[in-house]
């Protein structure tokens, strides 16, 4: 662990000195981490590659702001998460969710999910369920979406979410509670529209 930290500090010093090979090495090391964060939190309308590139640009332009108070990977994760939140805020315009927003296949799948037990579902159904969950999450406040995604979909603890987002634990719990309640209301609205 100490060796990895020392290597990162040395690489950062070379990047700050203008070493292009060190910059490429830094990108190679961090790109998988950035993609993981972006894939978990990106808005549907923004390609993950575009967001990852934006994160890298922000990382290099703000490199002089890094003070080594936290591991560099955490600092970059925070930039990635903030970038995704910014895009989610920009996308978050419509406060209501409508069944008409779903494709025919997604609507049919939702009916099946509500009507039957989903144990043993096929991989295609799991993908459809993930897309449907994404559409539901799109209607949450961006910060609420991030909290629910980190807690419920990625399985992070409240302390881990606090470290990633900078929010305190109580605020995270309140946001998660309210977001889950809103998601339940959306599902109920859906059921009433479809008379499920």
N, C-alpha and C. Protein backbone atom coordinates (compact mmCIF):
# COMPACT_ATOMS: atom_id res chain seq x y z
N UNK A 1 0.83 -1.19 0.00
CA UNK A 1 0.00 0.00 0.00
C UNK A 1 0.87 1.25 0.00
N UNK A 2 1.91 1.22 0.84
CA UNK A 2 2.84 2.35 0.92
C UNK A 2 3.54 2.54 -0.43
N UNK A 3 3.92 1.41 -1.07
CA UNK A 3 4.62 1.49 -2.35
C UNK A 3 3.73 2.11 -3.41
N UNK A 4 2.46 1.72 -3.44
CA UNK A 4 1.53 2.28 -4.42
C UNK A 4 1.35 3.78 -4.21
N UNK A 5 1.26 4.18 -2.95
CA UNK A 5 1.12 5.60 -2.64
C UNK A 5 2.39 6.37 -3.05
N UNK A 6 3.53 5.80 -2.77
CA UNK A 6 4.80 6.45 -3.14
C UNK A 6 4.93 6.56 -4.65
N UNK A 7 4.52 5.50 -5.36
CA UNK A 7 4.55 5.53 -6.83
C UNK A 7 3.63 6.62 -7.37
N UNK A 8 2.45 6.75 -6.77
CA UNK A 8 1.50 7.76 -7.22
C UNK A 8 2.04 9.16 -6.97
N UNK A 9 2.64 9.38 -5.82
CA UNK A 9 3.22 10.70 -5.50
C UNK A 9 4.34 11.03 -6.50
N UNK A 10 5.17 10.05 -6.81
CA UNK A 10 6.26 10.27 -7.77
C UNK A 10 5.71 10.56 -9.17
N UNK A 11 4.69 9.82 -9.55
CA UNK A 11 4.07 10.04 -10.86
C UNK A 11 3.46 11.44 -10.93
N UNK A 12 2.79 11.86 -9.88
CA UNK A 12 2.19 13.20 -9.86
C UNK A 12 3.26 14.29 -9.95
N UNK A 13 4.38 14.08 -9.29
CA UNK A 13 5.48 15.06 -9.36
C UNK A 13 5.99 15.17 -10.79
N UNK A 14 6.11 14.03 -11.48
CA UNK A 14 6.57 14.06 -12.87
C UNK A 14 5.54 14.72 -13.77
N UNK A 15 4.25 14.48 -13.52
CA UNK A 15 3.20 15.12 -14.32
C UNK A 15 3.25 16.63 -14.14
N UNK A 16 3.39 17.07 -12.90
CA UNK A 16 3.46 18.51 -12.62
C UNK A 16 4.68 19.15 -13.27
N UNK A 17 5.74 18.34 -13.48
CA UNK A 17 6.96 18.85 -14.12
C UNK A 17 6.84 18.84 -15.65
N UNK A 18 5.70 18.34 -16.17
CA UNK A 18 5.47 18.36 -17.61
C UNK A 18 5.84 17.09 -18.35
N UNK A 19 6.04 15.99 -17.65
CA UNK A 19 6.40 14.72 -18.26
C UNK A 19 5.15 14.08 -18.88
N UNK A 20 5.12 14.02 -20.21
CA UNK A 20 3.95 13.47 -20.91
C UNK A 20 3.79 11.97 -20.69
N UNK A 21 4.89 11.26 -20.57
CA UNK A 21 4.82 9.81 -20.32
C UNK A 21 4.17 9.55 -18.96
N UNK A 22 4.49 10.38 -17.98
CA UNK A 22 3.89 10.23 -16.65
C UNK A 22 2.40 10.55 -16.71
N UNK A 23 2.02 11.53 -17.53
CA UNK A 23 0.60 11.87 -17.68
C UNK A 23 -0.15 10.69 -18.30
N UNK A 24 0.44 10.05 -19.30
CA UNK A 24 -0.21 8.87 -19.90
C UNK A 24 -0.31 7.74 -18.88
N UNK A 25 0.74 7.56 -18.08
CA UNK A 25 0.72 6.53 -17.04
C UNK A 25 -0.39 6.81 -16.03
N UNK A 26 -0.55 8.06 -15.66
CA UNK A 26 -1.59 8.46 -14.72
C UNK A 26 -2.98 8.16 -15.29
N UNK A 27 -3.18 8.48 -16.56
CA UNK A 27 -4.47 8.20 -17.22
C UNK A 27 -4.72 6.69 -17.23
N UNK A 28 -3.70 5.91 -17.60
CA UNK A 28 -3.85 4.45 -17.64
C UNK A 28 -4.22 3.89 -16.28
N UNK A 29 -3.65 4.44 -15.22
CA UNK A 29 -3.94 3.96 -13.86
C UNK A 29 -5.35 4.31 -13.42
N UNK A 30 -5.78 5.52 -13.75
CA UNK A 30 -7.04 6.03 -13.19
C UNK A 30 -8.26 5.80 -14.07
N UNK A 31 -8.06 5.53 -15.34
CA UNK A 31 -9.20 5.41 -16.25
C UNK A 31 -10.21 4.34 -15.81
N UNK A 32 -9.77 3.14 -15.39
CA UNK A 32 -10.77 2.15 -14.93
C UNK A 32 -11.59 2.65 -13.73
N UNK A 33 -10.95 3.33 -12.80
CA UNK A 33 -11.65 3.89 -11.64
C UNK A 33 -12.68 4.92 -12.09
N UNK A 34 -12.27 5.81 -12.99
CA UNK A 34 -13.17 6.85 -13.49
C UNK A 34 -14.36 6.22 -14.20
N UNK A 35 -14.10 5.23 -15.04
CA UNK A 35 -15.21 4.56 -15.75
C UNK A 35 -16.18 3.90 -14.79
N UNK A 36 -15.66 3.31 -13.72
CA UNK A 36 -16.54 2.66 -12.74
C UNK A 36 -17.48 3.68 -12.11
N UNK A 37 -16.95 4.84 -11.74
CA UNK A 37 -17.79 5.88 -11.13
C UNK A 37 -18.78 6.42 -12.15
N UNK A 38 -18.32 6.68 -13.35
CA UNK A 38 -19.17 7.25 -14.40
C UNK A 38 -20.29 6.27 -14.76
N UNK A 39 -19.98 5.00 -14.89
CA UNK A 39 -21.01 4.02 -15.25
C UNK A 39 -22.09 3.91 -14.18
N UNK A 40 -21.72 4.13 -12.95
CA UNK A 40 -22.69 4.05 -11.88
C UNK A 40 -23.55 5.28 -11.71
N UNK A 41 -23.13 6.42 -12.26
CA UNK A 41 -23.82 7.67 -11.94
C UNK A 41 -24.11 8.56 -13.14
N UNK A 42 -23.82 8.13 -14.33
CA UNK A 42 -24.00 9.03 -15.47
C UNK A 42 -25.46 9.18 -15.85
N UNK A 43 -25.83 10.35 -16.35
CA UNK A 43 -27.17 10.53 -16.89
C UNK A 43 -27.31 9.71 -18.17
N UNK A 44 -28.51 9.30 -18.48
CA UNK A 44 -28.75 8.46 -19.64
C UNK A 44 -28.34 9.13 -20.94
N UNK A 45 -28.49 10.42 -21.03
CA UNK A 45 -28.26 11.11 -22.30
C UNK A 45 -26.79 11.40 -22.59
N UNK A 46 -25.91 11.15 -21.65
CA UNK A 46 -24.49 11.50 -21.82
C UNK A 46 -23.66 10.22 -21.96
N UNK A 47 -22.92 10.08 -23.07
CA UNK A 47 -22.07 8.89 -23.23
C UNK A 47 -20.98 8.83 -22.16
N UNK A 48 -20.70 7.61 -21.69
CA UNK A 48 -19.73 7.46 -20.61
C UNK A 48 -18.34 7.92 -21.01
N UNK A 49 -17.96 7.72 -22.26
CA UNK A 49 -16.64 8.15 -22.71
C UNK A 49 -16.50 9.67 -22.61
N UNK A 50 -17.56 10.40 -22.96
CA UNK A 50 -17.52 11.86 -22.88
C UNK A 50 -17.34 12.31 -21.43
N UNK A 51 -18.07 11.67 -20.53
CA UNK A 51 -17.94 12.03 -19.11
C UNK A 51 -16.56 11.69 -18.58
N UNK A 52 -16.04 10.54 -18.97
CA UNK A 52 -14.71 10.14 -18.51
C UNK A 52 -13.66 11.14 -19.00
N UNK A 53 -13.79 11.57 -20.24
CA UNK A 53 -12.84 12.56 -20.77
C UNK A 53 -12.96 13.89 -20.00
N UNK A 54 -14.17 14.28 -19.69
CA UNK A 54 -14.38 15.51 -18.93
C UNK A 54 -13.74 15.42 -17.55
N UNK A 55 -13.87 14.25 -16.92
CA UNK A 55 -13.25 14.04 -15.60
C UNK A 55 -11.73 14.16 -15.71
N UNK A 56 -11.16 13.54 -16.73
CA UNK A 56 -9.70 13.62 -16.91
C UNK A 56 -9.25 15.06 -17.13
N UNK A 57 -9.99 15.80 -17.92
CA UNK A 57 -9.63 17.20 -18.16
C UNK A 57 -9.67 17.99 -16.85
N UNK A 58 -10.75 17.78 -16.07
CA UNK A 58 -10.85 18.48 -14.78
C UNK A 58 -9.71 18.08 -13.85
N UNK A 59 -9.36 16.79 -13.88
CA UNK A 59 -8.28 16.31 -13.01
C UNK A 59 -6.97 17.03 -13.35
N UNK A 60 -6.64 17.08 -14.64
CA UNK A 60 -5.37 17.71 -15.02
C UNK A 60 -5.38 19.22 -14.80
N UNK A 61 -6.53 19.86 -15.04
CA UNK A 61 -6.56 21.32 -14.85
C UNK A 61 -6.56 21.71 -13.37
N UNK A 62 -6.97 20.80 -12.50
CA UNK A 62 -7.03 21.10 -11.06
C UNK A 62 -5.92 20.39 -10.27
N UNK A 63 -4.97 19.84 -10.95
CA UNK A 63 -3.93 19.06 -10.29
C UNK A 63 -3.21 19.87 -9.21
N UNK A 64 -3.06 21.17 -9.42
CA UNK A 64 -2.39 22.00 -8.41
C UNK A 64 -3.23 22.17 -7.14
N UNK A 65 -4.52 21.80 -7.20
CA UNK A 65 -5.39 21.91 -6.03
C UNK A 65 -5.30 20.68 -5.11
N UNK A 66 -4.71 19.60 -5.61
CA UNK A 66 -4.59 18.38 -4.81
C UNK A 66 -3.57 18.59 -3.70
N UNK A 67 -3.98 18.40 -2.45
CA UNK A 67 -3.13 18.68 -1.28
C UNK A 67 -2.66 17.43 -0.53
N UNK A 68 -2.91 16.26 -1.06
CA UNK A 68 -2.49 14.99 -0.47
C UNK A 68 -3.09 14.72 0.90
N UNK A 69 -4.27 15.31 1.17
CA UNK A 69 -4.96 15.04 2.44
C UNK A 69 -5.70 13.71 2.39
N UNK A 70 -6.05 13.29 1.19
CA UNK A 70 -6.69 11.99 0.95
C UNK A 70 -5.92 11.32 -0.18
N UNK A 71 -6.08 10.00 -0.34
CA UNK A 71 -5.41 9.36 -1.48
C UNK A 71 -5.87 9.98 -2.80
N UNK A 72 -4.97 10.04 -3.75
CA UNK A 72 -5.25 10.68 -5.03
C UNK A 72 -6.45 10.04 -5.72
N UNK A 73 -6.58 8.72 -5.61
CA UNK A 73 -7.71 8.02 -6.24
C UNK A 73 -9.04 8.51 -5.68
N UNK A 74 -9.10 8.80 -4.38
CA UNK A 74 -10.32 9.31 -3.76
C UNK A 74 -10.63 10.71 -4.29
N UNK A 75 -9.60 11.50 -4.43
CA UNK A 75 -9.75 12.86 -4.96
C UNK A 75 -10.32 12.81 -6.38
N UNK A 76 -9.80 11.91 -7.20
CA UNK A 76 -10.27 11.77 -8.58
C UNK A 76 -11.70 11.21 -8.59
N UNK A 77 -12.00 10.28 -7.70
CA UNK A 77 -13.38 9.74 -7.60
C UNK A 77 -14.36 10.84 -7.28
N UNK A 78 -13.95 11.74 -6.41
CA UNK A 78 -14.82 12.85 -6.03
C UNK A 78 -15.06 13.78 -7.23
N UNK A 79 -14.03 14.03 -8.03
CA UNK A 79 -14.19 14.83 -9.24
C UNK A 79 -15.17 14.13 -10.19
N UNK A 80 -15.00 12.81 -10.35
CA UNK A 80 -15.88 12.05 -11.24
C UNK A 80 -17.33 12.11 -10.76
N UNK A 81 -17.52 11.92 -9.47
CA UNK A 81 -18.87 11.95 -8.90
C UNK A 81 -19.50 13.33 -9.07
N UNK A 82 -18.74 14.38 -8.80
CA UNK A 82 -19.24 15.74 -8.95
C UNK A 82 -19.59 16.05 -10.40
N UNK A 83 -18.77 15.57 -11.33
CA UNK A 83 -19.05 15.78 -12.75
C UNK A 83 -20.36 15.10 -13.14
N UNK A 84 -20.56 13.88 -12.67
CA UNK A 84 -21.82 13.18 -12.95
C UNK A 84 -23.00 13.93 -12.33
N UNK A 85 -22.84 14.40 -11.10
CA UNK A 85 -23.90 15.17 -10.45
C UNK A 85 -24.25 16.43 -11.24
N UNK A 86 -23.23 17.11 -11.74
CA UNK A 86 -23.48 18.31 -12.54
C UNK A 86 -24.32 17.99 -13.77
N UNK A 87 -24.00 16.88 -14.42
CA UNK A 87 -24.77 16.49 -15.61
C UNK A 87 -26.18 16.04 -15.23
N UNK A 88 -26.30 15.36 -14.09
CA UNK A 88 -27.63 14.95 -13.64
C UNK A 88 -28.50 16.17 -13.33
N UNK A 89 -27.91 17.18 -12.70
CA UNK A 89 -28.66 18.41 -12.40
C UNK A 89 -29.13 19.08 -13.69
N UNK A 90 -28.27 19.09 -14.68
CA UNK A 90 -28.63 19.69 -15.96
C UNK A 90 -29.76 18.92 -16.62
N UNK A 91 -29.77 17.62 -16.44
CA UNK A 91 -30.80 16.77 -17.06
C UNK A 91 -32.11 16.81 -16.28
N UNK A 92 -32.02 17.09 -15.01
CA UNK A 92 -33.18 17.03 -14.13
C UNK A 92 -34.06 18.26 -14.34
N UNK A 93 -35.05 18.12 -15.17
CA UNK A 93 -35.93 19.25 -15.48
C UNK A 93 -37.39 18.92 -15.21
N UNK A 94 -37.78 17.71 -15.46
CA UNK A 94 -39.18 17.33 -15.38
C UNK A 94 -39.44 16.63 -14.04
N UNK A 95 -40.27 17.21 -13.19
CA UNK A 95 -40.48 16.62 -11.86
C UNK A 95 -41.41 15.41 -11.85
N UNK A 96 -42.09 15.15 -12.93
CA UNK A 96 -43.02 14.02 -12.92
C UNK A 96 -42.50 12.89 -13.78
N UNK A 97 -43.01 11.73 -13.51
CA UNK A 97 -42.64 10.55 -14.26
C UNK A 97 -43.90 10.00 -14.90
N UNK A 98 -43.81 9.63 -16.18
CA UNK A 98 -44.99 9.13 -16.89
C UNK A 98 -44.72 7.76 -17.49
N UNK A 99 -45.74 6.96 -17.52
CA UNK A 99 -45.64 5.64 -18.12
C UNK A 99 -45.32 5.76 -19.61
N UNK A 100 -45.76 6.83 -20.23
CA UNK A 100 -45.52 7.04 -21.65
C UNK A 100 -44.02 7.19 -21.96
N UNK A 101 -43.20 7.44 -20.96
CA UNK A 101 -41.76 7.57 -21.18
C UNK A 101 -41.10 6.23 -21.48
N UNK A 102 -41.80 5.14 -21.21
CA UNK A 102 -41.24 3.81 -21.42
C UNK A 102 -41.58 3.27 -22.79
N UNK A 103 -40.68 2.44 -23.28
CA UNK A 103 -40.97 1.76 -24.54
C UNK A 103 -42.02 0.68 -24.26
N UNK A 104 -42.57 0.12 -25.31
CA UNK A 104 -43.59 -0.92 -25.16
C UNK A 104 -43.00 -2.13 -24.43
N UNK A 105 -41.76 -2.48 -24.77
CA UNK A 105 -41.11 -3.62 -24.14
C UNK A 105 -40.87 -3.36 -22.65
N UNK A 106 -40.45 -2.15 -22.30
CA UNK A 106 -40.23 -1.82 -20.90
C UNK A 106 -41.54 -1.82 -20.12
N UNK A 107 -42.59 -1.32 -20.73
CA UNK A 107 -43.89 -1.31 -20.09
C UNK A 107 -44.37 -2.74 -19.82
N UNK A 108 -44.20 -3.61 -20.82
CA UNK A 108 -44.59 -5.01 -20.68
C UNK A 108 -43.78 -5.66 -19.56
N UNK A 109 -42.49 -5.36 -19.54
CA UNK A 109 -41.64 -5.94 -18.52
C UNK A 109 -42.07 -5.50 -17.11
N UNK A 110 -42.41 -4.24 -16.97
CA UNK A 110 -42.86 -3.75 -15.67
C UNK A 110 -44.12 -4.49 -15.22
N UNK A 111 -45.03 -4.69 -16.14
CA UNK A 111 -46.25 -5.44 -15.80
C UNK A 111 -45.91 -6.83 -15.30
N UNK A 112 -44.98 -7.48 -15.99
CA UNK A 112 -44.58 -8.83 -15.59
C UNK A 112 -43.91 -8.82 -14.22
N UNK A 113 -43.09 -7.80 -13.96
CA UNK A 113 -42.41 -7.70 -12.66
C UNK A 113 -43.41 -7.53 -11.53
N UNK A 114 -44.43 -6.73 -11.77
CA UNK A 114 -45.42 -6.47 -10.73
C UNK A 114 -46.35 -7.65 -10.52
N UNK A 115 -46.54 -8.43 -11.56
CA UNK A 115 -47.50 -9.52 -11.49
C UNK A 115 -46.89 -10.83 -10.99
N UNK A 116 -45.60 -11.01 -11.20
CA UNK A 116 -45.01 -12.31 -10.88
C UNK A 116 -43.69 -12.15 -10.13
N UNK A 117 -43.28 -13.23 -9.53
CA UNK A 117 -41.99 -13.27 -8.85
C UNK A 117 -40.89 -13.31 -9.91
N UNK A 118 -39.82 -12.57 -9.71
CA UNK A 118 -38.79 -12.46 -10.74
C UNK A 118 -37.59 -13.37 -10.48
N UNK A 119 -37.72 -14.33 -9.57
CA UNK A 119 -36.60 -15.23 -9.34
C UNK A 119 -36.30 -16.03 -10.59
N UNK A 120 -35.02 -16.24 -10.85
CA UNK A 120 -34.62 -17.02 -12.01
C UNK A 120 -34.79 -16.28 -13.31
N UNK A 121 -34.73 -14.96 -13.29
CA UNK A 121 -34.95 -14.21 -14.51
C UNK A 121 -33.79 -14.37 -15.47
N UNK A 122 -34.08 -14.25 -16.74
CA UNK A 122 -33.07 -14.37 -17.79
C UNK A 122 -32.19 -13.13 -17.81
N UNK A 123 -30.99 -13.24 -18.37
CA UNK A 123 -30.10 -12.07 -18.43
C UNK A 123 -30.71 -10.88 -19.15
N UNK A 124 -31.49 -11.12 -20.19
CA UNK A 124 -32.15 -10.02 -20.91
C UNK A 124 -33.14 -9.28 -20.02
N UNK A 125 -33.83 -10.04 -19.18
CA UNK A 125 -34.78 -9.42 -18.25
C UNK A 125 -34.05 -8.60 -17.19
N UNK A 126 -32.90 -9.08 -16.76
CA UNK A 126 -32.12 -8.33 -15.77
C UNK A 126 -31.67 -7.00 -16.38
N UNK A 127 -31.27 -7.02 -17.64
CA UNK A 127 -30.86 -5.78 -18.31
C UNK A 127 -32.04 -4.83 -18.44
N UNK A 128 -33.20 -5.37 -18.80
CA UNK A 128 -34.40 -4.53 -18.91
C UNK A 128 -34.76 -3.93 -17.55
N UNK A 129 -34.61 -4.72 -16.50
CA UNK A 129 -34.92 -4.22 -15.15
C UNK A 129 -33.94 -3.10 -14.77
N UNK A 130 -32.68 -3.27 -15.14
CA UNK A 130 -31.69 -2.22 -14.84
C UNK A 130 -32.01 -0.94 -15.59
N UNK A 131 -32.41 -1.06 -16.84
CA UNK A 131 -32.78 0.13 -17.62
C UNK A 131 -34.01 0.80 -17.03
N UNK A 132 -34.96 0.00 -16.60
CA UNK A 132 -36.16 0.55 -15.98
C UNK A 132 -35.81 1.27 -14.68
N UNK A 133 -34.94 0.66 -13.89
CA UNK A 133 -34.50 1.32 -12.65
C UNK A 133 -33.81 2.63 -12.97
N UNK A 134 -33.03 2.65 -14.04
CA UNK A 134 -32.37 3.89 -14.46
C UNK A 134 -33.36 4.98 -14.80
N UNK A 135 -34.44 4.59 -15.48
CA UNK A 135 -35.47 5.58 -15.83
C UNK A 135 -36.17 6.11 -14.59
N UNK A 136 -36.41 5.23 -13.63
CA UNK A 136 -37.02 5.68 -12.38
C UNK A 136 -36.07 6.62 -11.64
N UNK A 137 -34.80 6.26 -11.58
CA UNK A 137 -33.82 7.08 -10.87
C UNK A 137 -33.62 8.43 -11.54
N UNK A 138 -33.85 8.51 -12.84
CA UNK A 138 -33.72 9.79 -13.56
C UNK A 138 -34.65 10.86 -13.02
N UNK A 139 -35.70 10.45 -12.34
CA UNK A 139 -36.69 11.40 -11.85
C UNK A 139 -36.43 11.86 -10.41
N UNK A 140 -35.32 11.40 -9.87
CA UNK A 140 -34.92 11.86 -8.54
C UNK A 140 -34.01 13.07 -8.65
N UNK A 141 -33.97 13.84 -7.59
CA UNK A 141 -33.00 14.92 -7.47
C UNK A 141 -31.62 14.29 -7.65
N UNK A 142 -30.69 14.95 -8.35
CA UNK A 142 -29.38 14.34 -8.61
C UNK A 142 -28.65 13.85 -7.36
N UNK A 143 -28.68 14.61 -6.28
CA UNK A 143 -28.00 14.16 -5.06
C UNK A 143 -28.70 12.93 -4.48
N UNK A 144 -30.04 12.91 -4.53
CA UNK A 144 -30.77 11.75 -4.04
C UNK A 144 -30.46 10.52 -4.88
N UNK A 145 -30.36 10.72 -6.18
CA UNK A 145 -30.05 9.61 -7.08
C UNK A 145 -28.69 9.01 -6.73
N UNK A 146 -27.71 9.87 -6.51
CA UNK A 146 -26.38 9.38 -6.18
C UNK A 146 -26.40 8.60 -4.86
N UNK A 147 -27.11 9.12 -3.87
CA UNK A 147 -27.18 8.45 -2.57
C UNK A 147 -27.83 7.08 -2.71
N UNK A 148 -28.96 7.01 -3.41
CA UNK A 148 -29.66 5.72 -3.58
C UNK A 148 -28.80 4.76 -4.38
N UNK A 149 -28.16 5.25 -5.42
CA UNK A 149 -27.30 4.38 -6.24
C UNK A 149 -26.15 3.82 -5.41
N UNK A 150 -25.48 4.68 -4.67
CA UNK A 150 -24.35 4.22 -3.88
C UNK A 150 -24.77 3.25 -2.78
N UNK A 151 -25.87 3.57 -2.08
CA UNK A 151 -26.31 2.72 -0.97
C UNK A 151 -26.97 1.43 -1.45
N UNK A 152 -27.96 1.56 -2.32
CA UNK A 152 -28.80 0.42 -2.65
C UNK A 152 -28.32 -0.40 -3.85
N UNK A 153 -27.76 0.25 -4.85
CA UNK A 153 -27.34 -0.49 -6.03
C UNK A 153 -25.89 -0.95 -5.94
N UNK A 154 -25.04 -0.13 -5.34
CA UNK A 154 -23.63 -0.51 -5.25
C UNK A 154 -23.25 -1.09 -3.90
N UNK A 155 -24.14 -0.97 -2.91
CA UNK A 155 -23.92 -1.61 -1.62
C UNK A 155 -22.91 -0.94 -0.71
N UNK A 156 -22.68 0.36 -0.90
CA UNK A 156 -21.75 1.07 -0.02
C UNK A 156 -22.41 1.34 1.33
N UNK A 157 -21.60 1.48 2.35
CA UNK A 157 -22.11 1.85 3.67
C UNK A 157 -22.34 3.36 3.71
N UNK A 158 -23.04 3.81 4.74
CA UNK A 158 -23.29 5.24 4.91
C UNK A 158 -21.96 5.97 5.06
N UNK A 159 -21.02 5.39 5.78
CA UNK A 159 -19.70 6.03 5.97
C UNK A 159 -18.96 6.16 4.64
N UNK A 160 -19.05 5.13 3.80
CA UNK A 160 -18.39 5.19 2.49
C UNK A 160 -19.03 6.25 1.60
N UNK A 161 -20.36 6.33 1.64
CA UNK A 161 -21.06 7.34 0.85
C UNK A 161 -20.68 8.73 1.35
N UNK A 162 -20.56 8.88 2.65
CA UNK A 162 -20.15 10.17 3.21
C UNK A 162 -18.76 10.56 2.72
N UNK A 163 -17.85 9.60 2.66
CA UNK A 163 -16.49 9.89 2.19
C UNK A 163 -16.48 10.26 0.71
N UNK A 164 -17.32 9.60 -0.07
CA UNK A 164 -17.36 9.88 -1.52
C UNK A 164 -18.05 11.19 -1.86
N UNK A 165 -19.10 11.53 -1.11
CA UNK A 165 -19.92 12.69 -1.47
C UNK A 165 -19.63 13.94 -0.64
N UNK A 166 -19.07 13.76 0.53
CA UNK A 166 -18.84 14.90 1.41
C UNK A 166 -20.05 15.26 2.26
N UNK A 167 -21.13 14.49 2.15
CA UNK A 167 -22.32 14.73 2.98
C UNK A 167 -22.13 14.04 4.33
N UNK A 168 -22.87 14.50 5.34
CA UNK A 168 -22.78 13.81 6.62
C UNK A 168 -23.75 12.63 6.63
N UNK A 169 -23.53 11.71 7.56
CA UNK A 169 -24.31 10.48 7.60
C UNK A 169 -25.80 10.69 7.78
N UNK A 170 -26.18 11.65 8.61
CA UNK A 170 -27.61 11.91 8.84
C UNK A 170 -28.28 12.40 7.56
N UNK A 171 -27.63 13.29 6.86
CA UNK A 171 -28.18 13.80 5.60
C UNK A 171 -28.33 12.68 4.58
N UNK A 172 -27.36 11.78 4.53
CA UNK A 172 -27.43 10.65 3.61
C UNK A 172 -28.63 9.78 3.92
N UNK A 173 -28.86 9.49 5.20
CA UNK A 173 -29.99 8.65 5.60
C UNK A 173 -31.32 9.33 5.26
N UNK A 174 -31.41 10.63 5.50
CA UNK A 174 -32.64 11.36 5.20
C UNK A 174 -32.89 11.37 3.70
N UNK A 175 -31.85 11.67 2.91
CA UNK A 175 -32.00 11.69 1.45
C UNK A 175 -32.43 10.32 0.93
N UNK A 176 -31.81 9.26 1.46
CA UNK A 176 -32.15 7.90 1.02
C UNK A 176 -33.61 7.58 1.35
N UNK A 177 -34.04 7.93 2.56
CA UNK A 177 -35.42 7.67 2.97
C UNK A 177 -36.40 8.38 2.04
N UNK A 178 -36.17 9.67 1.80
CA UNK A 178 -37.08 10.44 0.95
C UNK A 178 -37.06 9.96 -0.49
N UNK A 179 -35.89 9.60 -0.99
CA UNK A 179 -35.79 9.12 -2.37
C UNK A 179 -36.52 7.80 -2.53
N UNK A 180 -36.35 6.90 -1.57
CA UNK A 180 -37.05 5.61 -1.65
C UNK A 180 -38.56 5.80 -1.60
N UNK A 181 -39.00 6.74 -0.76
CA UNK A 181 -40.43 7.02 -0.66
C UNK A 181 -40.95 7.55 -2.01
N UNK A 182 -40.20 8.42 -2.64
CA UNK A 182 -40.61 8.95 -3.95
C UNK A 182 -40.66 7.84 -4.99
N UNK A 183 -39.68 6.95 -4.96
CA UNK A 183 -39.68 5.83 -5.91
C UNK A 183 -40.90 4.93 -5.69
N UNK A 184 -41.26 4.71 -4.42
CA UNK A 184 -42.47 3.91 -4.15
C UNK A 184 -43.72 4.59 -4.69
N UNK A 185 -43.80 5.93 -4.53
CA UNK A 185 -44.95 6.67 -5.07
C UNK A 185 -45.01 6.56 -6.58
N UNK A 186 -43.86 6.63 -7.24
CA UNK A 186 -43.82 6.50 -8.69
C UNK A 186 -44.31 5.12 -9.12
N UNK A 187 -43.88 4.09 -8.39
CA UNK A 187 -44.34 2.74 -8.72
C UNK A 187 -45.84 2.59 -8.50
N UNK A 188 -46.35 3.18 -7.43
CA UNK A 188 -47.79 3.15 -7.19
C UNK A 188 -48.55 3.87 -8.29
N UNK A 189 -48.04 5.02 -8.70
CA UNK A 189 -48.66 5.76 -9.80
C UNK A 189 -48.67 4.92 -11.06
N UNK A 190 -47.59 4.24 -11.29
CA UNK A 190 -47.48 3.37 -12.44
C UNK A 190 -48.52 2.25 -12.39
N UNK A 191 -48.63 1.64 -11.24
CA UNK A 191 -49.58 0.54 -11.08
C UNK A 191 -51.01 1.01 -11.32
N UNK A 192 -51.32 2.22 -10.82
CA UNK A 192 -52.67 2.75 -11.03
C UNK A 192 -52.93 3.02 -12.50
N UNK A 193 -51.95 3.57 -13.18
CA UNK A 193 -52.10 3.85 -14.62
C UNK A 193 -52.31 2.56 -15.40
N UNK A 194 -51.57 1.52 -15.00
CA UNK A 194 -51.66 0.25 -15.72
C UNK A 194 -52.70 -0.68 -15.12
N UNK A 195 -53.30 -0.29 -13.99
CA UNK A 195 -54.30 -1.11 -13.28
C UNK A 195 -53.75 -2.50 -12.98
N UNK A 196 -52.52 -2.49 -12.44
CA UNK A 196 -51.85 -3.75 -12.11
C UNK A 196 -52.23 -4.15 -10.70
